[in-house]
Each structure stands twice: as C-alpha cells, then as structure tokens.
C-alpha cells in the first residue's frame, strides 16, 4: 500500500487559515477575560457597599455607657440586647431593606440579608465579657482574657467593641448566584487628647 496516493496526503492549508484560527482563539480568550473582569468588579462594588453599611451599623450600635466612663474611665456597652436591636435597625436603614430584609438594589444584593452573628466585647482590665447573638437572635455570654480573644475575622480584640457578620445572595453573570459574607469589628477607643 502506497501512502503517497492522493487520498492519503494531508490537505494543504490555504493562506490565512492559521491566522483565522488564532484570531478566533484570541477573540474567545478576550471575551472570557472581559466576563471575568465584569464579574470581579460586580463583587468588588457589592463588597464596598456592604463594608460601608456594616461599619456604620456597628458604630451606631457601639454606644458606650457615659456614666460608667465618667465614674471609672472604662468603656462598656451596658445593654448588649439594646445594642443588638439598634444594630438591626441600623442595618435595615443603611441598606434600605424592606420588611422581608431585601434590598431594592438587586445588582448589589440579590436576596434577603441575614445577620449571621453579632458579638459585643466589653473589656475591663484583662477580662473580656463576650455577648454573642446568633442568627436567630439568641444571646449567649461568656468570659475571656484580653490578648487571647480574636474576632471571627481574625482581628484580635483589644478594646470594647462590636463584631457583626451578615450574609446575602449575590447574582453574577449568566445567572450564577453565590452567597457572600461580610464581617467587621468596630472598637471603641477613648480619645485622651481632650
């Protein structure tokens, strides 16, 4: 059998065939890169939006007892239950949530917002009193030692403050939906310059 017969020879490439294939490959690669950068920018803007609202809500709820500070110069959040209720109202207002805890800005938050946890850290000397609220709003309290406690996001607890974490659905390109979580620790630190 002779392989040099006409039917066994490879077809010759016409001029421009390789360039067309390379061009289509680069066009496909550019489209994928554009989709990935759009998705990343969507996640980044949602993260910024939630970061600001979370920080403002934490600061709204982290109100120290002025009488306690005036008497003993210790910063303390007197009523963690009231701080949690204040935080819930602040989150609802800062994110413009409706009664179902859904945001009208569907591009940034696609589903209902859930408060996964809210923690009040009251520091007194080397002792830390921790009041933890779970997703259902149930509070548990325990004691810890300063320097040994870290917030769930890994930041060490150094002063009286609050940590909160919220979760929400985020819809991306092509109908992909992911759950996003955002957590933030806000400390109350006295300013002794006054």
Protein backbone atom coordinates (compact mmCIF):
# COMPACT_ATOMS: atom_id res chain seq x y z
CA UNK A 1 0.00 0.00 0.00
CA UNK A 2 1.44 3.29 -1.03
CA UNK A 3 0.79 6.21 1.27
CA UNK A 4 1.71 8.65 -1.42
CA UNK A 5 -1.58 8.28 -3.17
CA UNK A 6 -3.59 11.41 -3.43
CA UNK A 7 -6.27 10.35 -0.93
CA UNK A 8 -3.70 9.85 1.89
CA UNK A 9 -1.93 13.18 1.56
CA UNK A 10 -2.74 15.91 4.09
CA UNK A 11 -4.74 18.73 2.62
CA UNK A 12 -2.74 21.84 2.02
CA UNK A 13 -3.52 24.82 4.22
CA UNK A 14 -4.89 27.77 2.41
CA UNK A 15 -3.44 31.20 3.00
CA UNK A 16 -4.87 32.80 6.19
CA UNK A 17 -6.30 29.65 7.75
CA UNK A 18 -3.89 29.73 10.68
CA UNK A 19 -4.44 33.44 11.20
CA UNK A 20 -8.24 32.94 11.31
CA UNK A 21 -7.95 30.17 13.88
CA UNK A 22 -5.56 32.20 16.04
CA UNK A 23 -7.81 35.27 15.74
CA UNK A 24 -10.89 33.33 16.84
CA UNK A 25 -8.97 31.85 19.77
CA UNK A 26 -7.81 35.30 20.91
CA UNK A 27 -11.35 36.67 20.48
CA UNK A 28 -12.72 33.88 22.67
CA UNK A 29 -9.99 34.50 25.24
CA UNK A 30 -10.76 38.23 25.25
CA UNK A 31 -14.48 37.54 25.80
CA UNK A 32 -13.74 35.26 28.75
CA UNK A 33 -11.36 37.84 30.21
CA UNK A 34 -14.00 40.58 29.83
CA UNK A 35 -16.66 38.45 31.58
CA UNK A 36 -14.27 37.65 34.43
CA UNK A 37 -13.35 41.30 34.93
CA UNK A 38 -17.04 42.33 34.91
CA UNK A 39 -17.83 39.64 37.49
CA UNK A 40 -14.91 40.74 39.68
CA UNK A 41 -16.00 44.37 39.51
CA UNK A 42 -19.57 43.40 40.46
CA UNK A 43 -18.29 41.53 43.52
CA UNK A 44 -15.97 44.42 44.43
CA UNK A 45 -18.70 47.07 44.29
CA UNK A 46 -21.06 44.88 46.34
CA UNK A 47 -18.30 44.38 48.90
CA UNK A 48 -17.65 48.14 49.17
CA UNK A 49 -21.35 48.87 49.55
CA UNK A 50 -21.75 46.31 52.33
CA UNK A 51 -18.48 47.28 54.03
CA UNK A 52 -19.62 50.88 54.48
CA UNK A 53 -23.10 49.91 55.67
CA UNK A 54 -21.67 47.34 58.08
CA UNK A 55 -19.15 49.78 59.57
CA UNK A 56 -21.85 52.45 60.05
CA UNK A 57 -24.24 49.95 61.63
CA UNK A 58 -21.54 48.71 64.01
CA UNK A 59 -20.72 52.25 65.08
CA UNK A 60 -24.40 53.06 65.56
CA UNK A 61 -24.79 50.14 67.96
CA UNK A 62 -21.49 50.52 69.81
CA UNK A 63 -22.66 53.19 72.25
CA UNK A 64 -20.70 53.21 75.49
CA UNK A 65 -22.29 53.95 78.85
CA UNK A 66 -21.33 57.57 79.55
CA UNK A 67 -21.98 57.34 83.31
CA UNK A 68 -19.71 54.31 83.62
CA UNK A 69 -16.98 56.04 81.64
CA UNK A 70 -17.30 59.21 83.74
CA UNK A 71 -17.05 57.28 87.01
CA UNK A 72 -14.41 54.65 86.22
CA UNK A 73 -12.94 55.63 82.81
CA UNK A 74 -13.95 52.20 81.50
CA UNK A 75 -15.74 51.93 78.18
CA UNK A 76 -18.62 49.50 78.46
CA UNK A 77 -21.67 48.74 76.35
CA UNK A 78 -24.20 48.47 79.17
CA UNK A 79 -27.05 46.63 77.42
CA UNK A 80 -25.96 44.20 74.66
CA UNK A 81 -29.61 43.41 73.86
CA UNK A 82 -30.33 47.07 73.14
CA UNK A 83 -27.12 47.32 71.11
CA UNK A 84 -28.28 44.34 69.01
CA UNK A 85 -31.70 45.92 68.40
CA UNK A 86 -30.03 49.21 67.44
CA UNK A 87 -27.73 47.31 65.09
CA UNK A 88 -30.66 45.56 63.37
CA UNK A 89 -32.42 48.89 62.77
CA UNK A 90 -29.21 50.49 61.53
CA UNK A 91 -28.53 47.65 59.05
CA UNK A 92 -32.09 47.87 57.80
CA UNK A 93 -31.84 51.63 57.33
CA UNK A 94 -28.29 51.74 55.89
CA UNK A 95 -29.03 49.08 53.27
CA UNK A 96 -32.57 50.41 52.59
CA UNK A 97 -34.09 46.98 53.32
CA UNK A 98 -37.82 46.30 53.19
CA UNK A 99 -39.89 44.21 55.63
CA UNK A 100 -38.50 40.96 54.16
CA UNK A 101 -34.94 42.26 54.58
CA UNK A 102 -34.47 42.53 50.81
CA UNK A 103 -32.70 45.38 49.08
CA UNK A 104 -34.19 47.22 46.09
CA UNK A 105 -30.67 47.40 44.54
CA UNK A 106 -30.80 43.84 43.12
CA UNK A 107 -27.47 44.28 41.33
CA UNK A 108 -25.66 44.55 44.67
CA UNK A 109 -27.78 42.31 46.93
CA UNK A 110 -29.94 39.69 45.18
CA UNK A 111 -31.64 38.05 48.16
CA UNK A 112 -32.57 38.69 51.75
CA UNK A 113 -29.88 39.90 54.14
CA UNK A 114 -29.26 37.71 57.20
CA UNK A 115 -27.42 38.71 60.34
CA UNK A 116 -25.25 35.66 60.96
CA UNK A 117 -23.78 36.86 64.22
CA UNK A 118 -23.41 39.91 66.38
CA UNK A 119 -20.90 40.00 69.23
CA UNK A 120 -20.37 42.61 71.95
CA UNK A 121 -16.92 42.66 73.57
CA UNK A 122 -16.80 44.52 76.93
CA UNK A 123 -13.18 44.90 78.04
CA UNK A 124 -12.44 45.60 81.70
CA UNK A 125 -8.75 45.36 82.59
CA UNK A 126 -7.60 41.93 81.37
CA UNK A 127 -11.10 40.45 81.35
CA UNK A 128 -13.42 40.42 78.37
CA UNK A 129 -17.13 39.78 78.69
CA UNK A 130 -18.45 38.40 75.40
CA UNK A 131 -22.15 38.58 74.47
CA UNK A 132 -22.85 36.61 71.29
CA UNK A 133 -26.10 36.80 69.30
CA UNK A 134 -26.65 34.04 66.76
CA UNK A 135 -28.67 34.14 63.55
CA UNK A 136 -31.91 33.65 65.49
CA UNK A 137 -31.15 36.49 67.91
CA UNK A 138 -30.39 34.21 70.88
CA UNK A 139 -27.74 35.56 73.24
CA UNK A 140 -25.02 33.58 74.97
CA UNK A 141 -22.49 35.14 77.34
CA UNK A 142 -19.04 34.03 78.47
CA UNK A 143 -15.78 35.45 79.81
CA UNK A 144 -12.44 35.59 78.08
CA UNK A 145 -8.99 37.01 78.59
CA UNK A 146 -7.62 40.06 76.81
CA UNK A 147 -4.97 39.05 74.30
CA UNK A 148 -6.38 35.53 73.93
CA UNK A 149 -9.58 36.51 72.10
CA UNK A 150 -9.89 37.22 68.42
CA UNK A 151 -12.95 38.22 66.45
CA UNK A 152 -14.25 35.67 63.91
CA UNK A 153 -12.50 37.60 61.13
CA UNK A 154 -9.12 37.04 62.84
CA UNK A 155 -8.63 40.55 64.27
CA UNK A 156 -7.52 40.48 67.93
CA UNK A 157 -9.88 42.06 70.46
CA UNK A 158 -8.00 44.93 72.10
CA UNK A 159 -10.79 47.21 73.33
CA UNK A 160 -14.52 47.31 73.94
CA UNK A 161 -16.35 46.97 70.66
CA UNK A 162 -18.74 45.02 68.48
CA UNK A 163 -18.30 42.49 65.71
CA UNK A 164 -21.02 41.71 63.22
CA UNK A 165 -21.33 39.44 60.23
CA UNK A 166 -24.03 39.45 57.58
CA UNK A 167 -24.73 37.13 54.66
CA UNK A 168 -26.61 37.78 51.45
CA UNK A 169 -27.15 36.34 47.98
CA UNK A 170 -25.32 37.90 45.04
CA UNK A 171 -26.32 37.18 41.46
CA UNK A 172 -23.50 37.31 38.95
CA UNK A 173 -23.22 36.94 35.20
CA UNK A 174 -25.09 34.16 33.42
CA UNK A 175 -27.41 33.60 36.40
CA UNK A 176 -24.69 32.37 38.77
CA UNK A 177 -25.76 33.01 42.38
CA UNK A 178 -23.32 32.90 45.29
CA UNK A 179 -23.67 33.58 49.00
CA UNK A 180 -21.47 36.40 50.20
CA UNK A 181 -20.48 37.07 53.82
CA UNK A 182 -19.11 40.24 55.27
CA UNK A 183 -17.81 40.70 58.82
CA UNK A 184 -16.43 43.76 60.59
CA UNK A 185 -15.04 44.58 64.05
CA UNK A 186 -15.54 48.11 65.40
CA UNK A 187 -13.64 49.12 68.54
CA UNK A 188 -14.48 51.95 70.90
CA UNK A 189 -11.22 53.64 71.82
CA UNK A 190 -11.15 56.73 74.06
CA UNK A 191 -9.53 59.86 72.77
CA UNK A 192 -7.50 61.31 75.66
CA UNK A 193 -6.48 64.48 73.80
CA UNK A 194 -9.48 66.50 75.01
